[in-house]
Amino acid sequence: MRVFLLSMLLFLSSFTFGQELKDGKLVKGFVCKTIIIDGDTIPLMDLPPIVIYDYVHMMTPTEQWYWDRLVRNVKTVLPYAKLAGIKLREYNTELIGVKNDVERKRIMKKAEKDLKAEFGDQLKGLNFSQGDILLKLVDRETGNCSYNLVKDLRGAFVAFFYQNIGRLFGYNLKDRYDPNGKDHQVETVVYMVENGLI
């Protein structure tokens, strides 16, 4: 019996499943960082970040209708918000070299005219919910609420005027985007759209 166990041990030891070196190069396995704790070598591996969603519950037909509507609205306005972030960065780099307010106003009026010509009709076609989501997503993309953007780019009087007009129609240009609070569902939809989940 001992001979059999000894022969099996020798036979099995000839098959190695670890790393295999051939001409000084690694053929099988992989190299990773390690840490030694109390004489024990433990591998360290970097894992990609994961997002843990809230627990999923079955939606009632009404909840499903609201969710589908939110998804549709976010998908409609998200490209405009992303474009607003890109354009704002472009205009800010252009305005860095401007030395006086007259030149700055001229550039901003030209930018406003170009944007109205390109997107004015499309933005006029947005419904109330889409407009409200757009204001929040612009804040998300730029880091500034719409009121501050208008104030910085066009002046305090124009921002005050737009804010009052917006309030007549139910919009508040000073609203901030709150991804962990009241805008959690919007943030969830944006994440899912950006990662191709919906």
Protein backbone atom coordinates (compact mmCIF):
# COMPACT_ATOMS: atom_id res chain seq x y z
CA MET A 1 0.00 0.00 0.00
CA ARG A 2 2.86 2.38 0.84
CA VAL A 3 4.46 1.74 -2.53
CA PHE A 4 1.18 2.52 -4.25
CA LEU A 5 0.73 5.79 -2.34
CA LEU A 6 4.35 6.77 -2.96
CA SER A 7 4.06 6.02 -6.67
CA MET A 8 0.80 8.00 -6.87
CA LEU A 9 2.44 10.95 -5.09
CA LEU A 10 5.34 10.91 -7.55
CA PHE A 11 2.99 10.50 -10.49
CA LEU A 12 0.80 13.42 -9.43
CA SER A 13 3.76 15.67 -8.65
CA SER A 14 4.84 15.39 -12.29
CA PHE A 15 1.67 17.28 -13.29
CA THR A 16 1.96 20.88 -12.21
CA PHE A 17 -0.91 23.29 -12.51
CA GLY A 18 0.91 26.45 -11.47
CA GLN A 19 2.97 28.84 -13.53
CA GLU A 20 5.15 27.38 -16.21
CA LEU A 21 8.36 29.01 -17.40
CA LYS A 22 9.79 28.35 -20.82
CA ASP A 23 13.03 30.08 -21.83
CA GLY A 24 12.58 32.48 -18.92
CA LYS A 25 9.08 33.56 -20.09
CA LEU A 26 5.80 32.92 -18.36
CA VAL A 27 3.69 30.48 -20.39
CA LYS A 28 0.81 29.71 -18.02
CA GLY A 29 -0.66 31.70 -15.17
CA PHE A 30 -0.23 35.39 -14.50
CA VAL A 31 1.86 37.77 -12.46
CA CYS A 32 0.16 39.83 -9.77
CA LYS A 33 1.08 42.03 -6.85
CA THR A 34 1.35 40.34 -3.47
CA ILE A 35 1.54 41.27 0.17
CA ILE A 36 3.08 39.23 2.97
CA ILE A 37 1.07 39.08 6.19
CA ASP A 38 2.48 36.98 9.04
CA GLY A 39 4.68 35.06 6.62
CA ASP A 40 1.75 34.23 4.31
CA THR A 41 1.86 35.58 0.74
CA ILE A 42 -1.52 36.94 -0.34
CA PRO A 43 -2.18 38.08 -3.94
CA LEU A 44 -3.49 41.63 -4.51
CA MET A 45 -5.70 42.22 -7.52
CA ASP A 46 -7.31 45.43 -8.76
CA LEU A 47 -10.93 44.87 -9.64
CA PRO A 48 -12.99 47.24 -11.78
CA PRO A 49 -15.50 49.37 -9.87
CA ILE A 50 -19.04 48.09 -9.66
CA VAL A 51 -22.29 49.89 -8.99
CA ILE A 52 -24.74 48.38 -6.56
CA TYR A 53 -28.31 49.27 -7.40
CA ASP A 54 -31.13 49.64 -4.93
CA TYR A 55 -33.13 46.53 -4.47
CA VAL A 56 -35.47 45.92 -7.38
CA HIS A 57 -39.18 45.76 -6.81
CA MET A 58 -41.95 44.98 -9.22
CA MET A 59 -43.58 48.14 -10.55
CA THR A 60 -47.25 48.72 -10.72
CA PRO A 61 -48.55 49.72 -14.16
CA THR A 62 -48.66 53.37 -13.01
CA GLU A 63 -45.07 53.28 -11.74
CA GLN A 64 -43.98 51.61 -14.98
CA TRP A 65 -45.68 54.36 -16.98
CA TYR A 66 -43.87 57.08 -14.97
CA TRP A 67 -40.54 55.22 -15.31
CA ASP A 68 -40.94 54.81 -19.09
CA ARG A 69 -41.83 58.49 -19.39
CA LEU A 70 -38.76 59.51 -17.35
CA VAL A 71 -36.50 57.30 -19.49
CA ARG A 72 -37.95 58.81 -22.68
CA ASN A 73 -37.54 62.37 -21.38
CA VAL A 74 -33.96 61.85 -20.18
CA LYS A 75 -32.98 60.20 -23.47
CA THR A 76 -34.45 63.21 -25.30
CA VAL A 77 -32.61 65.93 -23.37
CA LEU A 78 -29.34 64.24 -22.33
CA PRO A 79 -27.60 64.97 -25.67
CA TYR A 80 -28.46 68.68 -25.31
CA ALA A 81 -27.09 68.77 -21.76
CA LYS A 82 -23.86 67.07 -22.83
CA LEU A 83 -23.57 69.51 -25.74
CA ALA A 84 -24.11 72.41 -23.31
CA GLY A 85 -21.15 71.19 -21.26
CA ILE A 86 -18.95 70.92 -24.37
CA LYS A 87 -19.98 74.35 -25.69
CA LEU A 88 -19.46 75.98 -22.29
CA ARG A 89 -15.91 74.64 -22.13
CA GLU A 90 -15.28 75.89 -25.68
CA TYR A 91 -16.61 79.37 -24.89
CA ASN A 92 -14.68 79.54 -21.62
CA THR A 93 -11.41 78.78 -23.43
CA GLU A 94 -12.29 81.39 -26.05
CA LEU A 95 -13.11 83.98 -23.39
CA ILE A 96 -9.86 83.48 -21.48
CA GLY A 97 -7.95 85.62 -23.96
CA VAL A 98 -10.56 88.42 -24.06
CA LYS A 99 -9.31 91.62 -22.49
CA ASN A 100 -12.42 93.85 -22.34
CA ASP A 101 -16.14 93.52 -21.69
CA VAL A 102 -17.17 94.81 -25.12
CA GLU A 103 -15.36 91.96 -26.87
CA ARG A 104 -16.72 89.47 -24.33
CA LYS A 105 -20.32 90.61 -24.93
CA ARG A 106 -19.80 90.44 -28.70
CA ILE A 107 -18.55 86.85 -28.47
CA MET A 108 -21.40 85.81 -26.18
CA LYS A 109 -24.07 87.40 -28.39
CA LYS A 110 -22.59 85.61 -31.41
CA ALA A 111 -22.57 82.32 -29.45
CA GLU A 112 -26.18 82.81 -28.38
CA LYS A 113 -27.22 83.60 -31.96
CA ASP A 114 -25.42 80.50 -33.28
CA LEU A 115 -26.97 78.26 -30.63
CA LYS A 116 -30.47 79.64 -31.28
CA ALA A 117 -30.07 79.08 -35.00
CA GLU A 118 -28.84 75.52 -34.50
CA PHE A 119 -31.01 74.28 -31.61
CA GLY A 120 -33.75 76.87 -31.03
CA ASP A 121 -36.52 75.02 -32.85
CA GLN A 122 -35.62 71.67 -31.26
CA LEU A 123 -35.57 73.12 -27.75
CA LYS A 124 -38.87 74.91 -28.29
CA GLY A 125 -40.42 71.50 -28.97
CA LEU A 126 -39.58 70.18 -25.50
CA ASN A 127 -42.44 69.63 -23.07
CA PHE A 128 -42.44 70.93 -19.48
CA SER A 129 -40.93 67.79 -17.92
CA GLN A 130 -38.18 67.64 -20.52
CA GLY A 131 -37.35 71.32 -19.94
CA ASP A 132 -37.13 70.77 -16.18
CA ILE A 133 -34.88 67.72 -16.63
CA LEU A 134 -32.73 69.65 -19.11
CA LEU A 135 -32.10 72.43 -16.56
CA LYS A 136 -30.98 69.84 -14.01
CA LEU A 137 -28.80 67.93 -16.47
CA VAL A 138 -27.12 71.16 -17.59
CA ASP A 139 -26.19 71.67 -13.93
CA ARG A 140 -24.90 68.08 -13.84
CA GLU A 141 -22.74 68.54 -16.94
CA THR A 142 -21.41 72.03 -16.18
CA GLY A 143 -21.35 72.15 -12.39
CA ASN A 144 -23.40 75.39 -12.39
CA CYS A 145 -27.12 76.00 -12.23
CA SER A 146 -28.63 77.67 -15.27
CA TYR A 147 -29.11 80.96 -13.43
CA ASN A 148 -25.38 81.22 -12.64
CA LEU A 149 -24.46 80.29 -16.21
CA VAL A 150 -26.68 83.04 -17.65
CA LYS A 151 -25.41 85.50 -15.04
CA ASP A 152 -21.76 84.73 -15.84
CA LEU A 153 -22.22 84.76 -19.59
CA ARG A 154 -24.86 87.45 -20.16
CA GLY A 155 -25.00 89.49 -16.96
CA ALA A 156 -27.07 89.75 -13.81
CA PHE A 157 -29.95 91.68 -15.42
CA VAL A 158 -30.50 89.10 -18.17
CA ALA A 159 -30.29 86.27 -15.61
CA PHE A 160 -32.85 88.04 -13.40
CA PHE A 161 -35.13 88.55 -16.42
CA TYR A 162 -34.88 84.87 -17.52
CA GLN A 163 -35.45 83.69 -13.94
CA ASN A 164 -38.66 85.73 -13.65
CA ILE A 165 -39.93 84.58 -17.04
CA GLY A 166 -39.09 80.98 -16.12
CA ARG A 167 -40.92 81.26 -12.81
CA LEU A 168 -44.07 82.32 -14.69
CA PHE A 169 -43.96 78.97 -16.51
CA GLY A 170 -42.98 76.89 -13.47
CA TYR A 171 -39.20 76.68 -13.98
CA ASN A 172 -36.59 77.70 -11.45
CA LEU A 173 -33.20 78.40 -13.02
CA LYS A 174 -31.62 78.30 -9.55
CA ASP A 175 -32.56 74.64 -8.94
CA ARG A 176 -29.50 72.48 -8.29
CA TYR A 177 -29.08 68.90 -9.43
CA ASP A 178 -29.25 66.48 -6.49
CA PRO A 179 -28.24 62.98 -7.68
CA ASN A 180 -28.49 61.45 -4.20
CA GLY A 181 -31.81 63.06 -3.29
CA LYS A 182 -34.75 64.25 -5.34
CA ASP A 183 -33.02 63.57 -8.68
CA HIS A 184 -31.95 60.03 -7.82
CA GLN A 185 -34.14 58.44 -10.49
CA VAL A 186 -32.85 60.86 -13.14
CA GLU A 187 -29.27 59.96 -12.17
CA THR A 188 -30.14 56.26 -12.40
CA VAL A 189 -31.53 56.71 -15.90
CA VAL A 190 -28.48 58.78 -16.98
CA TYR A 191 -26.15 56.08 -15.64
CA MET A 192 -28.07 53.36 -17.45
CA VAL A 193 -28.12 55.34 -20.72
CA GLU A 194 -24.40 56.16 -20.53
CA ASN A 195 -23.51 52.52 -19.90
CA GLY A 196 -25.81 51.11 -22.59
CA LEU A 197 -28.14 49.36 -20.16
CA ILE A 198 -31.28 50.95 -21.65
